[in-house]
Protein backbone atom coordinates (compact mmCIF):
# COMPACT_ATOMS: atom_id res chain seq x y z
CA UNK A 1 143.95 113.39 95.94
CA UNK A 2 144.32 110.46 93.54
CA UNK A 3 146.83 111.21 90.73
CA UNK A 4 145.65 111.29 87.06
CA UNK A 5 147.30 107.96 86.23
CA UNK A 6 145.38 106.27 89.02
CA UNK A 7 142.13 107.91 87.88
CA UNK A 8 142.75 106.44 84.44
CA UNK A 9 143.23 103.01 85.98
CA UNK A 10 140.03 103.40 87.98
CA UNK A 11 138.04 104.38 84.89
CA UNK A 12 139.41 101.42 82.94
CA UNK A 13 137.82 99.16 85.57
CA UNK A 14 134.35 100.62 84.95
CA UNK A 15 132.63 98.42 82.30
CA UNK A 16 131.19 101.23 80.15
CA UNK A 17 134.61 102.92 79.91
CA UNK A 18 136.71 99.79 79.43
CA UNK A 19 136.90 99.89 75.61
CA UNK A 20 137.33 103.62 75.15
CA UNK A 21 140.27 105.02 73.22
CA UNK A 22 142.85 107.11 75.09
CA UNK A 23 141.30 110.27 73.66
CA UNK A 24 137.80 109.29 74.77
CA UNK A 25 139.04 108.23 78.18
CA UNK A 26 140.98 111.46 78.65
CA UNK A 27 137.79 113.45 78.11
CA UNK A 28 136.24 111.51 81.01
CA UNK A 29 139.32 111.97 83.20
CA UNK A 30 139.22 115.74 82.62
CA UNK A 31 135.76 116.03 84.21
CA UNK A 32 136.13 113.32 86.88
CA UNK A 33 136.82 113.44 90.57
CA UNK A 34 137.42 110.51 92.88
CA UNK A 35 136.04 110.41 96.38
CA UNK A 36 136.36 107.90 99.17
CA UNK A 37 133.51 107.21 101.58
CA UNK A 38 133.33 105.32 104.86
CA UNK A 39 130.47 102.98 105.75
CA UNK A 40 127.10 104.52 106.71
CA UNK A 41 127.84 107.78 104.86
CA UNK A 42 125.21 109.05 102.42
CA UNK A 43 126.45 110.00 98.97
CA UNK A 44 123.20 111.90 98.49
CA UNK A 45 119.74 112.01 100.02
CA UNK A 46 116.35 111.60 98.42
CA UNK A 47 115.27 115.06 97.31
CA UNK A 48 118.78 116.53 96.90
CA UNK A 49 119.42 118.37 93.64
CA UNK A 50 120.49 115.81 91.05
CA UNK A 51 123.65 117.18 89.49
CA UNK A 52 126.20 114.33 89.46
CA UNK A 53 126.53 110.75 88.28
CA UNK A 54 128.61 108.20 90.19
CA UNK A 55 130.59 105.11 89.20
CA UNK A 56 131.74 102.60 91.80
CA UNK A 57 135.41 101.71 91.50
CA UNK A 58 135.44 99.64 94.65
CA UNK A 59 132.87 99.07 97.37
CA UNK A 60 129.11 98.78 97.78
CA UNK A 61 126.31 101.34 97.84
CA UNK A 62 122.70 100.83 98.91
CA UNK A 63 120.01 102.68 96.96
CA UNK A 64 116.76 103.00 98.88
CA UNK A 65 113.60 105.08 99.15
CA UNK A 66 111.60 106.07 102.19
CA UNK A 67 107.86 106.69 102.40
CA UNK A 68 105.99 109.25 104.50
CA UNK A 69 106.17 106.93 107.51
CA UNK A 70 109.93 106.55 107.19
CA UNK A 71 109.69 102.94 106.00
CA UNK A 72 112.68 101.89 103.90
CA UNK A 73 112.38 100.19 100.51
CA UNK A 74 115.71 98.99 99.13
CA UNK A 75 115.87 99.51 95.37
CA UNK A 76 119.26 97.91 94.77
CA UNK A 77 122.67 97.10 96.21
CA UNK A 78 125.37 98.29 93.81
CA UNK A 79 128.93 97.01 93.55
CA UNK A 80 132.20 97.51 91.65
CA UNK A 81 131.66 98.88 88.13
CA UNK A 82 128.03 99.97 88.67
CA UNK A 83 126.80 103.48 87.95
CA UNK A 84 124.06 105.45 89.69
CA UNK A 85 121.58 107.07 89.69
CA UNK A 86 119.67 105.30 86.93
CA UNK A 87 116.12 106.59 87.32
CA UNK A 88 115.73 110.09 85.94
CA UNK A 89 119.35 110.32 84.85
CA UNK A 90 118.58 112.45 81.77
CA UNK A 91 116.16 114.84 83.42
CA UNK A 92 116.77 117.77 85.69
CA UNK A 93 115.36 117.57 89.18
CA UNK A 94 116.16 115.79 92.43
CA UNK A 95 117.57 112.41 93.33
CA UNK A 96 114.63 109.99 93.57
CA UNK A 97 116.25 107.89 96.34
CA UNK A 98 118.93 107.80 99.02
CA UNK A 99 122.43 106.42 98.30
CA UNK A 100 124.19 105.04 101.39
CA UNK A 101 127.66 103.50 101.47
CA UNK A 102 127.62 100.07 103.16
CA UNK A 103 131.36 99.38 103.12
CA UNK A 104 134.42 101.61 102.47
CA UNK A 105 133.95 102.73 98.88
CA UNK A 106 135.82 104.65 96.18
CA UNK A 107 133.60 106.54 93.73
CA UNK A 108 134.27 108.32 90.46
CA UNK A 109 132.14 111.47 90.42
CA UNK A 110 131.15 113.29 87.22
CA UNK A 111 128.86 116.34 86.83
CA UNK A 112 125.80 115.29 84.83
CA UNK A 113 125.90 118.38 82.59
CA UNK A 114 129.49 117.64 81.54
CA UNK A 115 128.82 113.91 81.19
CA UNK A 116 125.96 114.66 78.80
CA UNK A 117 128.40 116.64 76.64
CA UNK A 118 130.68 113.57 76.51
CA UNK A 119 127.75 111.35 75.49
CA UNK A 120 126.97 113.71 72.61
CA UNK A 121 130.60 113.86 71.51
CA UNK A 122 131.24 110.09 71.78
CA UNK A 123 128.19 108.05 70.65
CA UNK A 124 129.87 104.77 71.66
CA UNK A 125 129.76 105.85 75.28
CA UNK A 126 126.06 106.76 74.87
CA UNK A 127 125.27 103.31 73.52
CA UNK A 128 126.94 101.66 76.52
CA UNK A 129 125.08 103.90 78.97
CA UNK A 130 121.76 103.16 77.27
CA UNK A 131 122.56 99.45 77.46
CA UNK A 132 123.13 99.73 81.22
CA UNK A 133 119.92 101.70 81.68
CA UNK A 134 118.03 99.15 79.59
CA UNK A 135 119.25 96.31 81.78
CA UNK A 136 118.13 98.21 84.88
CA UNK A 137 114.67 98.82 83.41
CA UNK A 138 114.28 95.11 82.63
CA UNK A 139 115.41 94.20 86.16
CA UNK A 140 112.90 96.60 87.73
CA UNK A 141 110.13 95.26 85.47
CA UNK A 142 110.94 91.70 86.51
CA UNK A 143 110.90 92.65 90.18
CA UNK A 144 107.56 94.44 89.82
CA UNK A 145 106.16 91.35 88.09
CA UNK A 146 107.44 89.19 90.97
CA UNK A 147 105.60 91.34 93.50
CA UNK A 148 102.38 91.20 91.51
CA UNK A 149 102.37 87.54 90.48
CA UNK A 150 104.34 85.76 93.22
CA UNK A 151 103.47 85.04 96.84
CA UNK A 152 105.90 86.08 99.57
CA UNK A 153 107.54 82.64 99.75
CA UNK A 154 108.27 82.75 96.01
CA UNK A 155 109.45 86.37 96.19
CA UNK A 156 112.03 85.47 98.84
CA UNK A 157 113.32 82.54 96.78
CA UNK A 158 113.61 84.76 93.70
CA UNK A 159 115.39 87.41 95.77
CA UNK A 160 117.94 84.85 96.99
CA UNK A 161 118.53 83.64 93.45
CA UNK A 162 118.96 87.23 92.25
CA UNK A 163 121.45 87.95 95.04
CA UNK A 164 123.36 84.76 94.24
CA UNK A 165 123.68 86.03 90.67
CA UNK A 166 124.64 89.62 91.52
CA UNK A 167 126.48 89.17 94.84
CA UNK A 168 127.30 85.48 94.82
CA UNK A 169 130.42 83.43 94.35
CA UNK A 170 130.33 79.80 93.33
CA UNK A 171 132.33 77.77 95.81
CA UNK A 172 131.50 74.20 94.86
CA UNK A 173 131.31 73.25 91.16
CA UNK A 174 129.89 69.80 91.85
CA UNK A 175 127.14 70.84 94.25
CA UNK A 176 126.23 74.20 92.70
CA UNK A 177 126.92 75.87 96.03
CA UNK A 178 127.03 79.68 96.18
CA UNK A 179 128.12 82.14 98.83
CA UNK A 180 126.37 85.50 98.90
CA UNK A 181 129.38 87.68 99.63
CA UNK A 182 127.48 90.73 100.89
CA UNK A 183 125.96 90.34 104.33
CA UNK A 184 122.25 91.21 104.44
CA UNK A 185 120.13 91.31 107.57
CA UNK A 186 116.62 89.86 107.54
CA UNK A 187 115.34 93.44 107.77
CA UNK A 188 117.28 94.43 104.65
CA UNK A 189 116.02 91.38 102.77
CA UNK A 190 112.49 92.28 103.79
CA UNK A 191 112.97 95.87 102.63
CA UNK A 192 114.00 94.62 99.19
CA UNK A 193 110.60 93.00 98.57
CA UNK A 194 108.32 95.11 100.75
CA UNK A 195 107.76 92.37 103.32
CA UNK A 196 108.32 92.09 107.09
CA UNK A 197 111.40 90.91 108.93
CA UNK A 198 109.33 88.22 110.66
CA UNK A 199 108.06 86.81 107.36
CA UNK A 200 111.56 86.68 105.91
CA UNK A 201 112.94 85.02 109.04
CA UNK A 202 110.18 82.40 108.99
CA UNK A 203 110.71 81.67 105.30
CA UNK A 204 114.48 81.39 105.65
CA UNK A 205 113.98 78.88 108.46
CA UNK A 206 111.70 76.86 106.19
CA UNK A 207 114.34 76.84 103.46
CA UNK A 208 117.00 75.79 105.96
CA UNK A 209 114.85 72.84 107.10
CA UNK A 210 114.56 71.78 103.46
CA UNK A 211 118.37 72.06 103.16
CA UNK A 212 118.19 74.65 100.38
CA UNK A 213 120.19 77.25 102.32
CA UNK A 214 122.33 77.50 105.43
CA UNK A 215 123.63 80.44 107.41
CA UNK A 216 127.32 81.16 107.80
CA UNK A 217 129.23 83.91 109.65
CA UNK A 218 130.52 85.14 106.27
CA UNK A 219 127.11 85.34 104.61
CA UNK A 220 124.37 83.09 103.35
CA UNK A 221 124.96 79.86 101.47
CA UNK A 222 122.52 78.59 98.86
CA UNK A 223 123.14 74.87 98.89
CA UNK A 224 121.60 73.94 95.57
CA UNK A 225 120.49 76.64 93.16
CA UNK A 226 118.70 74.21 90.84
CA UNK A 227 116.63 72.71 93.66
CA UNK A 228 115.82 76.21 94.87
CA UNK A 229 114.61 77.08 91.36
CA UNK A 230 112.54 73.90 91.27
CA UNK A 231 110.73 75.10 94.40
CA UNK A 232 109.18 77.83 92.23
CA UNK A 233 107.46 75.44 89.84
């Protein structure tokens, strides 16, 4: 079990808790638990009773849905500081998606009923949570718009740019070169946009021939973000 002092340090690393006073933070500590998960473990399954909210201290979690045929649709890949679930957080019911750990991860776990009491008691925390939820809604709207208005080639480029922003690290200031630090298979990339693995593989090969991206054992490099953006217009 992680001692209280360490829990406080973990919570301080979560963006929405970072500016809380000691009193506000203590109220969160009192209702928090920390849990450690190995890769491939599910935090919860789609359809489980939704009774807890999770904050990632360290690690990565994949949120995905499955249809009646068992086909996977990746909703998001979450990292340090992110909270989940987002959809349906303030309603009673079941988790609308699966949450699977994709690398060893430490989570802060809080019962939703007790967290709601904290939000009522400390409006500043509520405002930060609403801000996070608002950002997620905008992101989902943008992704829906991409699927409606963009062809598959454009969707894949936009996905790579989005991953460079959320999971990328700039490694060359002069050349605008980014490394996507989370490894994604072509199947996972396809599941993020509702496409096929073959289509993604074919498109990535096209982008490699144009020298926009290159593969690397540590991940995927985007050689020139600006040129990749220009390919959309």
